[in-house]
N, C-alpha and C. Protein backbone atom coordinates (compact mmCIF):
# COMPACT_ATOMS: atom_id res chain seq x y z
N MET A 1 0.83 -1.20 0.00
CA MET A 1 0.00 0.00 0.00
C MET A 1 0.87 1.26 0.00
N PHE A 2 1.99 1.20 0.75
CA PHE A 2 2.87 2.36 0.80
C PHE A 2 3.45 2.67 -0.58
N ILE A 3 3.95 1.65 -1.26
CA ILE A 3 4.51 1.83 -2.60
C ILE A 3 3.44 2.33 -3.57
N HIS A 4 2.25 1.79 -3.46
CA HIS A 4 1.15 2.24 -4.33
C HIS A 4 0.86 3.72 -4.10
N GLY A 5 0.87 4.16 -2.84
CA GLY A 5 0.66 5.57 -2.54
C GLY A 5 1.77 6.45 -3.08
N CYS A 6 3.00 5.97 -2.97
CA CYS A 6 4.14 6.74 -3.51
C CYS A 6 4.03 6.89 -5.02
N GLU A 7 3.70 5.80 -5.70
CA GLU A 7 3.56 5.86 -7.15
C GLU A 7 2.42 6.79 -7.56
N LYS A 8 1.35 6.80 -6.78
CA LYS A 8 0.22 7.68 -7.09
C LYS A 8 0.60 9.15 -6.94
N ARG A 9 1.39 9.48 -5.93
CA ARG A 9 1.78 10.88 -5.70
C ARG A 9 2.93 11.31 -6.60
N MET A 10 3.91 10.46 -6.80
CA MET A 10 5.13 10.86 -7.51
C MET A 10 5.12 10.47 -8.98
N GLY A 11 4.30 9.55 -9.36
CA GLY A 11 4.32 9.08 -10.74
C GLY A 11 5.19 7.86 -10.87
N ARG A 12 5.20 7.29 -12.02
CA ARG A 12 5.91 6.04 -12.26
C ARG A 12 7.37 6.27 -12.61
N LEU A 13 7.67 7.39 -13.24
CA LEU A 13 9.03 7.67 -13.71
C LEU A 13 9.85 8.26 -12.56
N VAL A 14 10.80 7.50 -12.08
CA VAL A 14 11.68 7.94 -11.00
C VAL A 14 13.12 7.76 -11.46
N LYS A 15 13.90 8.82 -11.41
CA LYS A 15 15.30 8.75 -11.84
C LYS A 15 16.19 8.97 -10.62
N GLN A 16 16.46 7.91 -9.90
CA GLN A 16 17.35 8.00 -8.76
C GLN A 16 18.74 7.59 -9.20
N ASP A 17 19.72 8.13 -8.56
CA ASP A 17 21.12 7.78 -8.81
C ASP A 17 21.52 7.96 -10.26
N VAL A 18 21.11 9.07 -10.84
CA VAL A 18 21.50 9.40 -12.20
C VAL A 18 22.49 10.56 -12.11
N GLY A 19 23.64 10.39 -12.72
CA GLY A 19 24.64 11.44 -12.69
C GLY A 19 24.20 12.67 -13.46
N ILE A 20 24.68 13.85 -13.05
CA ILE A 20 24.30 15.05 -13.77
C ILE A 20 25.02 15.08 -15.12
N SER A 21 24.40 15.68 -16.08
CA SER A 21 24.96 15.73 -17.42
C SER A 21 26.00 16.85 -17.52
N PHE A 22 26.79 16.79 -18.58
CA PHE A 22 27.78 17.83 -18.83
C PHE A 22 27.10 19.18 -19.08
N GLU A 23 25.96 19.15 -19.75
CA GLU A 23 25.22 20.38 -20.03
C GLU A 23 24.75 21.04 -18.74
N MET A 24 24.28 20.22 -17.81
CA MET A 24 23.83 20.75 -16.52
C MET A 24 25.01 21.35 -15.75
N LEU A 25 26.15 20.68 -15.79
CA LEU A 25 27.35 21.18 -15.11
C LEU A 25 27.77 22.52 -15.70
N THR A 26 27.78 22.63 -17.02
CA THR A 26 28.21 23.90 -17.63
C THR A 26 27.23 25.03 -17.34
N GLU A 27 25.94 24.73 -17.24
CA GLU A 27 24.97 25.77 -16.87
C GLU A 27 25.23 26.29 -15.46
N VAL A 28 25.50 25.39 -14.54
CA VAL A 28 25.81 25.79 -13.16
C VAL A 28 27.08 26.63 -13.14
N LEU A 29 28.09 26.18 -13.86
CA LEU A 29 29.36 26.93 -13.89
C LEU A 29 29.19 28.29 -14.56
N ASP A 30 28.33 28.39 -15.56
CA ASP A 30 28.06 29.70 -16.18
C ASP A 30 27.42 30.66 -15.19
N ASP A 31 26.49 30.15 -14.38
CA ASP A 31 25.88 30.99 -13.35
C ASP A 31 26.93 31.46 -12.35
N TYR A 32 27.82 30.56 -11.95
CA TYR A 32 28.89 30.94 -11.03
C TYR A 32 29.82 31.97 -11.66
N LYS A 33 30.11 31.81 -12.96
CA LYS A 33 31.01 32.75 -13.64
C LYS A 33 30.40 34.15 -13.69
N LYS A 34 29.10 34.22 -13.96
CA LYS A 34 28.43 35.53 -13.98
C LYS A 34 28.49 36.21 -12.62
N GLU A 35 28.29 35.42 -11.57
CA GLU A 35 28.34 35.99 -10.22
C GLU A 35 29.76 36.39 -9.85
N PHE A 36 30.74 35.60 -10.25
CA PHE A 36 32.13 35.90 -9.92
C PHE A 36 32.61 37.19 -10.55
N TRP A 37 32.23 37.44 -11.81
CA TRP A 37 32.69 38.64 -12.51
C TRP A 37 31.83 39.87 -12.24
N ASN A 38 30.79 39.72 -11.43
CA ASN A 38 29.95 40.85 -11.07
C ASN A 38 30.73 41.75 -10.09
N PRO A 39 30.94 43.03 -10.43
CA PRO A 39 31.74 43.90 -9.54
C PRO A 39 31.06 44.22 -8.22
N GLU A 40 29.76 43.99 -8.11
CA GLU A 40 29.05 44.29 -6.87
C GLU A 40 29.17 43.18 -5.82
N VAL A 41 29.70 42.04 -6.22
CA VAL A 41 29.82 40.91 -5.29
C VAL A 41 31.10 41.07 -4.48
N ASP A 42 31.01 40.87 -3.15
CA ASP A 42 32.18 41.04 -2.29
C ASP A 42 33.12 39.84 -2.38
N LYS A 43 34.33 40.00 -1.84
CA LYS A 43 35.37 38.98 -1.97
C LYS A 43 35.02 37.68 -1.26
N ALA A 44 34.32 37.76 -0.14
CA ALA A 44 33.95 36.55 0.59
C ALA A 44 32.99 35.69 -0.24
N ARG A 45 32.05 36.34 -0.90
CA ARG A 45 31.11 35.60 -1.75
C ARG A 45 31.82 35.02 -2.96
N LYS A 46 32.77 35.77 -3.54
CA LYS A 46 33.53 35.26 -4.68
C LYS A 46 34.34 34.03 -4.29
N ARG A 47 34.91 34.05 -3.08
CA ARG A 47 35.65 32.89 -2.60
C ARG A 47 34.73 31.69 -2.48
N PHE A 48 33.54 31.91 -1.95
CA PHE A 48 32.55 30.84 -1.81
C PHE A 48 32.16 30.28 -3.18
N VAL A 49 31.99 31.16 -4.16
CA VAL A 49 31.63 30.74 -5.52
C VAL A 49 32.74 29.87 -6.11
N VAL A 50 33.99 30.27 -5.92
CA VAL A 50 35.11 29.49 -6.44
C VAL A 50 35.17 28.12 -5.77
N MET A 51 34.95 28.07 -4.46
CA MET A 51 34.97 26.79 -3.75
C MET A 51 33.84 25.88 -4.23
N CYS A 52 32.66 26.42 -4.43
CA CYS A 52 31.54 25.62 -4.91
C CYS A 52 31.76 25.11 -6.33
N ALA A 53 32.25 25.99 -7.19
CA ALA A 53 32.51 25.58 -8.58
C ALA A 53 33.57 24.49 -8.63
N GLY A 54 34.62 24.64 -7.86
CA GLY A 54 35.66 23.62 -7.81
C GLY A 54 35.13 22.29 -7.30
N THR A 55 34.28 22.35 -6.29
CA THR A 55 33.69 21.13 -5.75
C THR A 55 32.81 20.45 -6.78
N PHE A 56 32.01 21.22 -7.50
CA PHE A 56 31.17 20.64 -8.55
C PHE A 56 32.03 19.91 -9.58
N VAL A 57 33.09 20.53 -10.04
CA VAL A 57 33.93 19.92 -11.09
C VAL A 57 34.63 18.68 -10.56
N ILE A 58 35.18 18.74 -9.35
CA ILE A 58 35.89 17.59 -8.79
C ILE A 58 34.95 16.41 -8.59
N LEU A 59 33.77 16.66 -8.03
CA LEU A 59 32.83 15.56 -7.80
C LEU A 59 32.28 15.01 -9.10
N TRP A 60 32.05 15.89 -10.08
CA TRP A 60 31.56 15.42 -11.38
C TRP A 60 32.61 14.55 -12.05
N ALA A 61 33.86 14.97 -12.02
CA ALA A 61 34.93 14.17 -12.62
C ALA A 61 35.12 12.87 -11.86
N GLY A 62 34.95 12.89 -10.54
CA GLY A 62 35.06 11.67 -9.76
C GLY A 62 33.97 10.67 -10.12
N ALA A 63 32.80 11.16 -10.44
CA ALA A 63 31.70 10.29 -10.83
C ALA A 63 31.97 9.64 -12.18
N LEU A 64 32.75 10.28 -13.04
CA LEU A 64 33.08 9.71 -14.34
C LEU A 64 33.97 8.48 -14.22
N ARG A 65 34.72 8.39 -13.14
CA ARG A 65 35.62 7.26 -12.95
C ARG A 65 34.90 6.01 -12.49
N GLY A 66 33.59 6.04 -12.45
CA GLY A 66 32.83 4.86 -12.09
C GLY A 66 32.25 4.93 -10.69
N GLY A 67 32.61 5.97 -9.95
CA GLY A 67 32.05 6.11 -8.62
C GLY A 67 30.72 6.81 -8.67
N GLU A 68 29.94 6.64 -7.65
CA GLU A 68 28.65 7.31 -7.57
C GLU A 68 28.79 8.48 -6.61
N VAL A 69 29.61 9.46 -7.02
CA VAL A 69 29.97 10.56 -6.14
C VAL A 69 28.93 11.65 -6.17
N PHE A 70 28.49 12.04 -7.33
CA PHE A 70 27.67 13.23 -7.48
C PHE A 70 26.42 12.90 -8.27
N MET A 71 25.32 12.78 -7.58
CA MET A 71 24.08 12.36 -8.22
C MET A 71 23.04 13.49 -8.12
N LEU A 72 21.97 13.35 -8.85
CA LEU A 72 20.92 14.37 -8.88
C LEU A 72 20.29 14.60 -7.51
N GLU A 73 20.12 13.53 -6.75
CA GLU A 73 19.46 13.67 -5.46
C GLU A 73 20.31 14.47 -4.47
N ALA A 74 21.61 14.39 -4.61
CA ALA A 74 22.48 15.14 -3.70
C ALA A 74 22.32 16.61 -3.95
């Protein structure tokens, strides 16, 4: 009954443990690049943006090696 209720609310198509695509990664990095080059953003925020962008790239590349490092649910 629980599974039936979940399927009724969420639908049948569930994509768990699917790695993010290269297109999705580049869109996120483009958003970070726009924020980084914005002159109104302070240095602390720019440092945070660089750390997040680096983490995205490292985890995405780690997932390419066969590990399940960076998935959509995360």
